[in-house]
Amino acid sequence: MKSTKKELFELLLRAPPEKLFLILPIGYTLFLQLITGIPKPGTLQKIDANELFVRLSAELFDYPYWLQDLSHLPLFFTLGWLWIWISKKPYNKGLFRNPASFVAFSYACFNELAQAFIPERFPSAGDLFMNLIGVSMALVLHYWLHRHSLNQKFPQHH
């Protein structure tokens, strides 16, 4: 049982070595762009968009704004976690100085700025803040768990 906990813990901290697992952070990033970059339903109806996209947009915008804003935190936490998870040596240069952190933070900014080019959407400082906090929380928690795993309880294998 102890080895199963250890293996699960290690899997949560580091992706298996196969490059196939790179699909997860890339796919999730594309998913985030879809759900955060979709125009409002009225805009989609004006351009005669597919009904599936109109319904998806209606569902996404049916929530109160405060809940939409709050949703950025877990969405971008997951983004940060997936990118650091796929990183082979995440902390060789420090907590925030690795390619995974750069990709996650850059995308968090790009995602919000891209909304300036979507009809009836706009970039929001509050959303950007939540994006960056979500990524930061993922990186800090991953770092803490990674350091914790280096002790005798869950030794890392390199």
Protein backbone atom coordinates (compact mmCIF):
# COMPACT_ATOMS: atom_id res chain seq x y z
CA MET A 1 0.00 0.00 0.00
CA LYS A 2 2.82 2.39 0.84
CA SER A 3 4.44 1.93 -2.56
CA THR A 4 1.10 2.70 -4.26
CA LYS A 5 0.83 6.01 -2.35
CA LYS A 6 4.40 6.80 -3.29
CA GLU A 7 3.79 6.03 -6.97
CA LEU A 8 0.62 8.13 -7.03
CA PHE A 9 2.40 11.00 -5.29
CA GLU A 10 5.26 10.84 -7.80
CA LEU A 11 2.80 10.70 -10.72
CA LEU A 12 1.10 13.87 -9.43
CA LEU A 13 4.48 15.62 -9.29
CA ARG A 14 6.04 14.44 -12.52
CA ALA A 15 4.66 13.20 -15.80
CA PRO A 16 5.88 9.87 -17.12
CA PRO A 17 8.86 10.33 -19.47
CA GLU A 18 6.95 9.63 -22.68
CA LYS A 19 6.53 12.71 -24.89
CA LEU A 20 2.91 11.69 -25.43
CA PHE A 21 2.04 13.30 -22.08
CA LEU A 22 2.87 16.71 -23.57
CA ILE A 23 -0.59 16.45 -25.13
CA LEU A 24 -2.17 17.19 -21.73
CA PRO A 25 -0.80 20.71 -21.11
CA ILE A 26 -1.04 21.64 -24.80
CA GLY A 27 -4.59 20.31 -25.07
CA TYR A 28 -5.62 22.02 -21.84
CA THR A 29 -4.16 25.32 -23.05
CA LEU A 30 -6.20 25.05 -26.25
CA PHE A 31 -9.30 24.14 -24.20
CA LEU A 32 -8.77 27.24 -22.05
CA GLN A 33 -8.50 29.40 -25.14
CA LEU A 34 -11.76 27.98 -26.44
CA ILE A 35 -13.76 28.56 -23.27
CA THR A 36 -12.24 31.94 -22.41
CA GLY A 37 -12.02 33.27 -25.96
CA ILE A 38 -15.48 32.46 -27.24
CA PRO A 39 -17.57 35.52 -28.14
CA LYS A 40 -20.92 36.22 -26.50
CA PRO A 41 -23.93 34.37 -27.96
CA GLY A 42 -25.33 37.47 -29.70
CA THR A 43 -22.08 37.99 -31.59
CA LEU A 44 -22.06 34.38 -32.72
CA GLN A 45 -25.68 34.59 -33.86
CA LYS A 46 -24.90 37.73 -35.91
CA ILE A 47 -22.26 35.83 -37.89
CA ASP A 48 -24.51 32.78 -38.23
CA ALA A 49 -22.16 30.53 -36.24
CA ASN A 50 -22.85 26.86 -35.66
CA GLU A 51 -25.61 26.33 -33.08
CA LEU A 52 -23.26 24.22 -30.94
CA PHE A 53 -20.97 27.24 -30.44
CA VAL A 54 -23.93 29.53 -29.74
CA ARG A 55 -25.21 27.14 -27.04
CA LEU A 56 -21.72 26.71 -25.55
CA SER A 57 -21.34 30.48 -25.40
CA ALA A 58 -24.77 30.87 -23.80
CA GLU A 59 -23.84 28.32 -21.13
CA LEU A 60 -20.51 30.00 -20.41
CA PHE A 61 -22.05 33.45 -20.08
CA ASP A 62 -25.05 32.26 -18.05
CA TYR A 63 -23.09 32.47 -14.79
CA PRO A 64 -22.82 35.60 -12.63
CA TYR A 65 -19.74 37.71 -13.40
CA TRP A 66 -18.24 37.14 -9.96
CA LEU A 67 -18.37 33.38 -10.54
CA GLN A 68 -16.86 33.76 -14.01
CA ASP A 69 -14.05 35.85 -12.49
CA LEU A 70 -13.51 33.37 -9.66
CA SER A 71 -13.35 30.48 -12.14
CA HIS A 72 -10.08 31.85 -13.51
CA LEU A 73 -8.24 30.74 -10.36
CA PRO A 74 -8.83 26.96 -10.65
CA LEU A 75 -8.62 27.05 -14.46
CA PHE A 76 -5.20 28.66 -14.40
CA PHE A 77 -4.06 26.66 -11.37
CA THR A 78 -4.59 23.57 -13.53
CA LEU A 79 -2.72 25.21 -16.40
CA GLY A 80 0.28 25.99 -14.18
CA TRP A 81 0.25 22.51 -12.66
CA LEU A 82 0.14 20.74 -16.03
CA TRP A 83 3.03 22.77 -17.45
CA ILE A 84 5.26 22.28 -14.38
CA TRP A 85 4.19 18.62 -14.21
CA ILE A 86 5.51 17.96 -17.73
CA SER A 87 8.80 19.75 -17.00
CA LYS A 88 11.75 17.37 -16.64
CA LYS A 89 13.85 19.48 -14.22
CA PRO A 90 11.42 22.10 -12.92
CA TYR A 91 13.56 23.72 -10.23
CA ASN A 92 17.11 23.69 -11.58
CA LYS A 93 16.98 27.47 -12.14
CA GLY A 94 14.59 28.33 -9.31
CA LEU A 95 10.88 28.37 -8.68
CA PHE A 96 9.79 30.86 -11.35
CA ARG A 97 12.75 30.65 -13.73
CA ASN A 98 12.01 27.61 -15.83
CA PRO A 99 10.38 27.12 -19.24
CA ALA A 100 7.18 25.68 -17.74
CA SER A 101 6.65 28.77 -15.57
CA PHE A 102 7.41 31.04 -18.52
CA VAL A 103 4.85 29.25 -20.72
CA ALA A 104 2.13 29.27 -18.03
CA PHE A 105 2.62 32.94 -17.05
CA SER A 106 2.92 34.06 -20.67
CA TYR A 107 -0.25 32.25 -21.63
CA ALA A 108 -2.09 33.66 -18.59
CA CYS A 109 -1.26 37.16 -19.88
CA PHE A 110 -1.87 36.36 -23.56
CA ASN A 111 -5.25 34.81 -22.78
CA GLU A 112 -6.52 37.98 -21.15
CA LEU A 113 -5.00 40.37 -23.72
CA ALA A 114 -6.43 38.35 -26.61
CA GLN A 115 -9.91 39.29 -25.45
CA ALA A 116 -9.28 42.82 -26.74
CA PHE A 117 -9.65 41.36 -30.25
CA ILE A 118 -12.90 39.46 -29.61
CA PRO A 119 -16.12 41.38 -30.32
CA GLU A 120 -18.02 42.40 -27.17
CA ARG A 121 -15.17 41.14 -24.95
CA PHE A 122 -12.44 43.08 -23.19
CA PRO A 123 -9.31 42.39 -21.16
CA SER A 124 -9.85 42.61 -17.41
CA ALA A 125 -7.21 43.43 -14.81
CA GLY A 126 -9.16 41.34 -12.29
CA ASP A 127 -9.18 38.31 -14.58
CA LEU A 128 -5.48 38.74 -15.31
CA PHE A 129 -4.79 38.90 -11.58
CA MET A 130 -6.77 35.68 -11.00
CA ASN A 131 -4.95 33.99 -13.92
CA LEU A 132 -1.56 34.90 -12.45
CA ILE A 133 -2.55 33.94 -8.90
CA GLY A 134 -3.84 30.57 -10.14
CA VAL A 135 -0.58 29.81 -11.98
CA SER A 136 1.49 31.05 -9.01
CA MET A 137 -0.43 28.90 -6.53
CA ALA A 138 0.11 25.81 -8.69
CA LEU A 139 3.84 26.46 -8.98
CA VAL A 140 4.28 27.18 -5.26
CA LEU A 141 2.26 24.11 -4.22
CA HIS A 142 4.11 21.90 -6.70
CA TYR A 143 7.44 23.26 -5.47
CA TRP A 144 6.47 22.64 -1.84
CA LEU A 145 5.31 19.08 -2.60
CA HIS A 146 8.42 18.48 -4.69
CA ARG A 147 10.64 19.57 -1.77
CA HIS A 148 8.54 17.49 0.63
CA SER A 149 9.02 14.45 -1.60
CA LEU A 150 12.79 14.76 -1.29
CA ASN A 151 12.67 13.82 2.39
CA GLN A 152 12.79 10.24 3.64
CA LYS A 153 9.04 9.68 3.49
CA PHE A 154 8.79 9.91 -0.33
CA PRO A 155 12.27 9.79 -1.86
CA GLN A 156 12.55 10.79 -5.54
CA HIS A 157 14.15 8.53 -8.12
CA HIS A 158 16.06 10.30 -10.90
